[in-house]
């Protein structure tokens, strides 16, 4: 993976994405569709932050963090 920005910033973005993905999954399970649009918007913002920090694939980083 290429050089990232600040490792603490990158870790915060990955951690925030992981959290939102869990919330999104929970909202789907509980059929809370009203939350979905906001959560997806927030994930989109995190993807832009990740790109700015040279994290090429935010979701891959979330998965690597979980393993």
PDB file of N, CA and C in Angstrom:
ATOM      1  N   UNK A   1       0.866  -1.163   0.000  1.00  0.00           N
ATOM      2  CA  UNK A   1       0.000   0.000   0.000  1.00  0.00           C
ATOM      3  C   UNK A   1       0.903   1.214   0.000  1.00  0.00           C
ATOM      4  N   UNK A   2       0.691   2.244  -0.699  1.00  0.00           N
ATOM      5  CA  UNK A   2       1.578   3.391  -0.783  1.00  0.00           C
ATOM      6  C   UNK A   2       1.708   4.118   0.523  1.00  0.00           C
ATOM      7  N   UNK A   3       2.489   5.190   0.485  1.00  0.00           N
ATOM      8  CA  UNK A   3       2.680   5.986   1.688  1.00  0.00           C
ATOM      9  C   UNK A   3       1.364   6.632   2.091  1.00  0.00           C
ATOM     10  N   UNK A   4       1.045   6.540   3.365  1.00  0.00           N
ATOM     11  CA  UNK A   4      -0.175   7.157   3.875  1.00  0.00           C
ATOM     12  C   UNK A   4       0.183   8.474   4.526  1.00  0.00           C
ATOM     13  N   UNK A   5      -0.830   9.271   4.760  1.00  0.00           N
ATOM     14  CA  UNK A   5      -0.643  10.496   5.530  1.00  0.00           C
ATOM     15  C   UNK A   5      -0.315  10.097   6.951  1.00  0.00           C
ATOM     16  N   UNK A   6      -0.635  10.933   7.879  1.00  0.00           N
ATOM     17  CA  UNK A   6      -0.398  10.639   9.281  1.00  0.00           C
ATOM     18  C   UNK A   6      -1.008   9.287   9.640  1.00  0.00           C
ATOM     19  N   UNK A   7      -0.217   8.447  10.277  1.00  0.00           N
ATOM     20  CA  UNK A   7      -0.733   7.117  10.613  1.00  0.00           C
ATOM     21  C   UNK A   7      -1.873   7.194  11.609  1.00  0.00           C
ATOM     22  N   UNK A   8      -1.849   8.192  12.509  1.00  0.00           N
ATOM     23  CA  UNK A   8      -2.957   8.317  13.464  1.00  0.00           C
ATOM     24  C   UNK A   8      -4.229   8.790  12.769  1.00  0.00           C
ATOM     25  N   UNK A   9      -4.087   9.692  11.796  1.00  0.00           N
ATOM     26  CA  UNK A   9      -5.261  10.133  11.025  1.00  0.00           C
ATOM     27  C   UNK A   9      -5.829   8.974  10.229  1.00  0.00           C
ATOM     28  N   UNK A  10      -4.957   8.219   9.598  1.00  0.00           N
ATOM     29  CA  UNK A  10      -5.390   7.074   8.805  1.00  0.00           C
ATOM     30  C   UNK A  10      -6.098   6.054   9.693  1.00  0.00           C
ATOM     31  N   UNK A  11      -5.541   5.782  10.854  1.00  0.00           N
ATOM     32  CA  UNK A  11      -6.153   4.826  11.777  1.00  0.00           C
ATOM     33  C   UNK A  11      -7.527   5.317  12.234  1.00  0.00           C
ATOM     34  N   UNK A  12      -7.667   6.604  12.470  1.00  0.00           N
ATOM     35  CA  UNK A  12      -8.958   7.164  12.878  1.00  0.00           C
ATOM     36  C   UNK A  12      -9.998   7.021  11.776  1.00  0.00           C
ATOM     37  N   UNK A  13      -9.603   7.265  10.530  1.00  0.00           N
ATOM     38  CA  UNK A  13     -10.532   7.135   9.402  1.00  0.00           C
ATOM     39  C   UNK A  13     -10.966   5.678   9.255  1.00  0.00           C
ATOM     40  N   UNK A  14     -10.031   4.754   9.337  1.00  0.00           N
ATOM     41  CA  UNK A  14     -10.349   3.330   9.205  1.00  0.00           C
ATOM     42  C   UNK A  14     -11.251   2.893  10.362  1.00  0.00           C
ATOM     43  N   UNK A  15     -10.952   3.333  11.561  1.00  0.00           N
ATOM     44  CA  UNK A  15     -11.771   2.970  12.725  1.00  0.00           C
ATOM     45  C   UNK A  15     -13.181   3.547  12.590  1.00  0.00           C
ATOM     46  N   UNK A  16     -13.303   4.781  12.137  1.00  0.00           N
ATOM     47  CA  UNK A  16     -14.618   5.395  11.955  1.00  0.00           C
ATOM     48  C   UNK A  16     -15.417   4.652  10.889  1.00  0.00           C
ATOM     49  N   UNK A  17     -14.757   4.246   9.809  1.00  0.00           N
ATOM     50  CA  UNK A  17     -15.434   3.493   8.754  1.00  0.00           C
ATOM     51  C   UNK A  17     -15.910   2.142   9.286  1.00  0.00           C
ATOM     52  N   UNK A  18     -15.070   1.486  10.059  1.00  0.00           N
ATOM     53  CA  UNK A  18     -15.467   0.202  10.643  1.00  0.00           C
ATOM     54  C   UNK A  18     -16.719   0.382  11.503  1.00  0.00           C
ATOM     55  N   UNK A  19     -16.711   1.400  12.327  1.00  0.00           N
ATOM     56  CA  UNK A  19     -17.863   1.661  13.199  1.00  0.00           C
ATOM     57  C   UNK A  19     -19.134   1.902  12.373  1.00  0.00           C
ATOM     58  N   UNK A  20     -19.024   2.764  11.350  1.00  0.00           N
ATOM     59  CA  UNK A  20     -20.200   3.065  10.535  1.00  0.00           C
ATOM     60  C   UNK A  20     -20.697   1.829   9.786  1.00  0.00           C
ATOM     61  N   UNK A  21     -19.793   0.980   9.346  1.00  0.00           N
ATOM     62  CA  UNK A  21     -20.216  -0.240   8.662  1.00  0.00           C
ATOM     63  C   UNK A  21     -20.980  -1.170   9.607  1.00  0.00           C
ATOM     64  N   UNK A  22     -20.535  -1.252  10.860  1.00  0.00           N
ATOM     65  CA  UNK A  22     -21.265  -2.056  11.846  1.00  0.00           C
ATOM     66  C   UNK A  22     -22.636  -1.450  12.121  1.00  0.00           C
ATOM     67  N   UNK A  23     -22.702  -0.125  12.237  1.00  0.00           N
ATOM     68  CA  UNK A  23     -23.985   0.539  12.473  1.00  0.00           C
ATOM     69  C   UNK A  23     -24.906   0.317  11.278  1.00  0.00           C
ATOM     70  N   UNK A  24     -24.359   0.415  10.076  1.00  0.00           N
ATOM     71  CA  UNK A  24     -25.145   0.201   8.867  1.00  0.00           C
ATOM     72  C   UNK A  24     -25.696  -1.235   8.834  1.00  0.00           C
ATOM     73  N   UNK A  25     -24.860  -2.197   9.162  1.00  0.00           N
ATOM     74  CA  UNK A  25     -25.302  -3.591   9.188  1.00  0.00           C
ATOM     75  C   UNK A  25     -26.418  -3.775  10.220  1.00  0.00           C
ATOM     76  N   UNK A  26     -26.239  -3.182  11.377  1.00  0.00           N
ATOM     77  CA  UNK A  26     -27.259  -3.284  12.436  1.00  0.00           C
ATOM     78  C   UNK A  26     -28.569  -2.625  12.006  1.00  0.00           C
ATOM     79  N   UNK A  27     -28.462  -1.463  11.363  1.00  0.00           N
ATOM     80  CA  UNK A  27     -29.655  -0.768  10.879  1.00  0.00           C
ATOM     81  C   UNK A  27     -30.378  -1.621   9.836  1.00  0.00           C
ATOM     82  N   UNK A  28     -29.618  -2.300   8.980  1.00  0.00           N
ATOM     83  CA  UNK A  28     -30.234  -3.176   7.980  1.00  0.00           C
ATOM     84  C   UNK A  28     -30.954  -4.345   8.644  1.00  0.00           C
ATOM     85  N   UNK A  29     -30.310  -4.954   9.636  1.00  0.00           N
ATOM     86  CA  UNK A  29     -30.910  -6.091  10.334  1.00  0.00           C
ATOM     87  C   UNK A  29     -32.205  -5.670  11.035  1.00  0.00           C
ATOM     88  N   UNK A  30     -32.189  -4.486  11.613  1.00  0.00           N
ATOM     89  CA  UNK A  30     -33.360  -4.006  12.352  1.00  0.00           C
ATOM     90  C   UNK A  30     -34.326  -3.224  11.461  1.00  0.00           C
ATOM     91  N   UNK A  31     -34.058  -3.225  10.152  1.00  0.00           N
ATOM     92  CA  UNK A  31     -34.920  -2.560   9.172  1.00  0.00           C
ATOM     93  C   UNK A  31     -35.124  -1.071   9.504  1.00  0.00           C
ATOM     94  N   UNK A  32     -34.041  -0.403   9.847  1.00  0.00           N
ATOM     95  CA  UNK A  32     -34.081   1.032  10.145  1.00  0.00           C
ATOM     96  C   UNK A  32     -33.599   1.802   8.927  1.00  0.00           C
ATOM     97  N   UNK A  33     -34.380   1.756   7.880  1.00  0.00           N
ATOM     98  CA  UNK A  33     -33.965   2.331   6.603  1.00  0.00           C
ATOM     99  C   UNK A  33     -33.790   3.843   6.650  1.00  0.00           C
ATOM    100  N   UNK A  34     -34.403   4.512   7.614  1.00  0.00           N
ATOM    101  CA  UNK A  34     -34.262   5.967   7.712  1.00  0.00           C
ATOM    102  C   UNK A  34     -32.811   6.364   7.991  1.00  0.00           C
ATOM    103  N   UNK A  35     -32.050   5.520   8.648  1.00  0.00           N
ATOM    104  CA  UNK A  35     -30.651   5.814   8.971  1.00  0.00           C
ATOM    105  C   UNK A  35     -29.712   5.584   7.802  1.00  0.00           C
ATOM    106  N   UNK A  36     -30.110   4.734   6.879  1.00  0.00           N
ATOM    107  CA  UNK A  36     -29.225   4.269   5.811  1.00  0.00           C
ATOM    108  C   UNK A  36     -28.623   5.407   4.986  1.00  0.00           C
ATOM    109  N   UNK A  37     -29.426   6.349   4.568  1.00  0.00           N
ATOM    110  CA  UNK A  37     -28.938   7.437   3.715  1.00  0.00           C
ATOM    111  C   UNK A  37     -27.863   8.258   4.435  1.00  0.00           C
ATOM    112  N   UNK A  38     -28.106   8.590   5.694  1.00  0.00           N
ATOM    113  CA  UNK A  38     -27.125   9.361   6.467  1.00  0.00           C
ATOM    114  C   UNK A  38     -25.835   8.573   6.642  1.00  0.00           C
ATOM    115  N   UNK A  39     -25.956   7.301   6.947  1.00  0.00           N
ATOM    116  CA  UNK A  39     -24.764   6.468   7.136  1.00  0.00           C
ATOM    117  C   UNK A  39     -23.953   6.361   5.858  1.00  0.00           C
ATOM    118  N   UNK A  40     -24.630   6.173   4.728  1.00  0.00           N
ATOM    119  CA  UNK A  40     -23.919   6.084   3.457  1.00  0.00           C
ATOM    120  C   UNK A  40     -23.239   7.402   3.104  1.00  0.00           C
ATOM    121  N   UNK A  41     -23.881   8.508   3.426  1.00  0.00           N
ATOM    122  CA  UNK A  41     -23.277   9.824   3.196  1.00  0.00           C
ATOM    123  C   UNK A  41     -22.006   9.974   4.044  1.00  0.00           C
ATOM    124  N   UNK A  42     -22.076   9.555   5.301  1.00  0.00           N
ATOM    125  CA  UNK A  42     -20.916   9.651   6.187  1.00  0.00           C
ATOM    126  C   UNK A  42     -19.786   8.736   5.716  1.00  0.00           C
ATOM    127  N   UNK A  43     -20.131   7.552   5.218  1.00  0.00           N
ATOM    128  CA  UNK A  43     -19.108   6.653   4.667  1.00  0.00           C
ATOM    129  C   UNK A  43     -18.461   7.254   3.422  1.00  0.00           C
ATOM    130  N   UNK A  44     -19.251   7.927   2.610  1.00  0.00           N
ATOM    131  CA  UNK A  44     -18.717   8.596   1.425  1.00  0.00           C
ATOM    132  C   UNK A  44     -17.708   9.676   1.831  1.00  0.00           C
ATOM    133  N   UNK A  45     -18.032  10.430   2.873  1.00  0.00           N
ATOM    134  CA  UNK A  45     -17.095  11.448   3.378  1.00  0.00           C
ATOM    135  C   UNK A  45     -15.799  10.803   3.858  1.00  0.00           C
ATOM    136  N   UNK A  46     -15.921   9.671   4.541  1.00  0.00           N
ATOM    137  CA  UNK A  46     -14.723   8.973   5.012  1.00  0.00           C
ATOM    138  C   UNK A  46     -13.891   8.442   3.848  1.00  0.00           C
ATOM    139  N   UNK A  47     -14.548   8.000   2.782  1.00  0.00           N
ATOM    140  CA  UNK A  47     -13.807   7.550   1.603  1.00  0.00           C
ATOM    141  C   UNK A  47     -12.991   8.698   1.008  1.00  0.00           C
ATOM    142  N   UNK A  48     -13.565   9.895   0.987  1.00  0.00           N
ATOM    143  CA  UNK A  48     -12.820  11.058   0.478  1.00  0.00           C
ATOM    144  C   UNK A  48     -11.644  11.387   1.392  1.00  0.00           C
ATOM    145  N   UNK A  49     -11.851  11.307   2.695  1.00  0.00           N
ATOM    146  CA  UNK A  49     -10.752  11.534   3.644  1.00  0.00           C
ATOM    147  C   UNK A  49      -9.658  10.487   3.440  1.00  0.00           C
ATOM    148  N   UNK A  50     -10.072   9.245   3.248  1.00  0.00           N
ATOM    149  CA  UNK A  50      -9.103   8.168   3.027  1.00  0.00           C
ATOM    150  C   UNK A  50      -8.294   8.434   1.768  1.00  0.00           C
ATOM    151  N   UNK A  51      -8.951   8.876   0.720  1.00  0.00           N
ATOM    152  CA  UNK A  51      -8.235   9.180  -0.534  1.00  0.00           C
ATOM    153  C   UNK A  51      -7.226  10.299  -0.299  1.00  0.00           C
ATOM    154  N   UNK A  52      -7.607  11.305   0.481  1.00  0.00           N
ATOM    155  CA  UNK A  52      -6.689  12.399   0.798  1.00  0.00           C
ATOM    156  C   UNK A  52      -5.481  11.919   1.590  1.00  0.00           C
ATOM    157  N   UNK A  53      -5.663  10.843   2.359  1.00  0.00           N
ATOM    158  CA  UNK A  53      -4.578  10.269   3.162  1.00  0.00           C
ATOM    159  C   UNK A  53      -3.843   9.154   2.419  1.00  0.00           C
ATOM    160  N   UNK A  54      -4.118   9.021   1.122  1.00  0.00           N
ATOM    161  CA  UNK A  54      -3.490   7.992   0.290  1.00  0.00           C
ATOM    162  C   UNK A  54      -3.805   6.568   0.741  1.00  0.00           C
ATOM    163  N   UNK A  55      -5.031   6.380   1.225  1.00  0.00           N
ATOM    164  CA  UNK A  55      -5.521   5.034   1.526  1.00  0.00           C
ATOM    165  C   UNK A  55      -6.338   4.625   0.308  1.00  0.00           C
ATOM    166  N   UNK A  56      -5.805   3.737  -0.529  1.00  0.00           N
ATOM    167  CA  UNK A  56      -6.459   3.436  -1.799  1.00  0.00           C
ATOM    168  C   UNK A  56      -7.781   2.683  -1.668  1.00  0.00           C
ATOM    169  N   UNK A  57      -7.932   1.845  -0.659  1.00  0.00           N
ATOM    170  CA  UNK A  57      -9.144   1.040  -0.519  1.00  0.00           C
ATOM    171  C   UNK A  57      -9.525   0.994   0.964  1.00  0.00           C
ATOM    172  N   UNK A  58     -10.405   1.908   1.340  1.00  0.00           N
ATOM    173  CA  UNK A  58     -10.802   2.026   2.745  1.00  0.00           C
ATOM    174  C   UNK A  58     -11.410   0.737   3.271  1.00  0.00           C
ATOM    175  N   UNK A  59     -12.260   0.092   2.475  1.00  0.00           N
ATOM    176  CA  UNK A  59     -12.936  -1.104   2.951  1.00  0.00           C
ATOM    177  C   UNK A  59     -11.963  -2.264   3.147  1.00  0.00           C
ATOM    178  N   UNK A  60     -10.963  -2.338   2.310  1.00  0.00           N
ATOM    179  CA  UNK A  60      -9.928  -3.365   2.488  1.00  0.00           C
ATOM    180  C   UNK A  60      -9.197  -3.120   3.806  1.00  0.00           C
ATOM    181  N   UNK A  61      -8.919  -1.881   4.115  1.00  0.00           N
ATOM    182  CA  UNK A  61      -8.233  -1.548   5.358  1.00  0.00           C
ATOM    183  C   UNK A  61      -9.097  -1.900   6.567  1.00  0.00           C
ATOM    184  N   UNK A  62     -10.404  -1.691   6.436  1.00  0.00           N
ATOM    185  CA  UNK A  62     -11.317  -2.070   7.530  1.00  0.00           C
ATOM    186  C   UNK A  62     -11.261  -3.575   7.731  1.00  0.00           C
ATOM    187  N   UNK A  63     -11.311  -4.328   6.640  1.00  0.00           N
ATOM    188  CA  UNK A  63     -11.254  -5.786   6.759  1.00  0.00           C
ATOM    189  C   UNK A  63      -9.941  -6.249   7.368  1.00  0.00           C
ATOM    190  N   UNK A  64      -8.832  -5.646   6.951  1.00  0.00           N
ATOM    191  CA  UNK A  64      -7.531  -6.021   7.512  1.00  0.00           C
ATOM    192  C   UNK A  64      -7.481  -5.722   9.004  1.00  0.00           C
ATOM    193  N   UNK A  65      -8.105  -4.644   9.422  1.00  0.00           N
ATOM    194  CA  UNK A  65      -8.134  -4.281  10.843  1.00  0.00           C
ATOM    195  C   UNK A  65      -8.931  -5.291  11.661  1.00  0.00           C
ATOM    196  N   UNK A  66      -9.960  -5.858  11.042  1.00  0.00           N
ATOM    197  CA  UNK A  66     -10.835  -6.814  11.750  1.00  0.00           C
ATOM    198  C   UNK A  66     -10.223  -8.198  11.879  1.00  0.00           C
ATOM    199  N   UNK A  67      -9.244  -8.513  11.045  1.00  0.00           N
ATOM    200  CA  UNK A  67      -8.661  -9.859  11.080  1.00  0.00           C
ATOM    201  C   UNK A  67      -7.579  -9.887  12.048  1.00  0.00           C
TER     202      UNK A  67
END
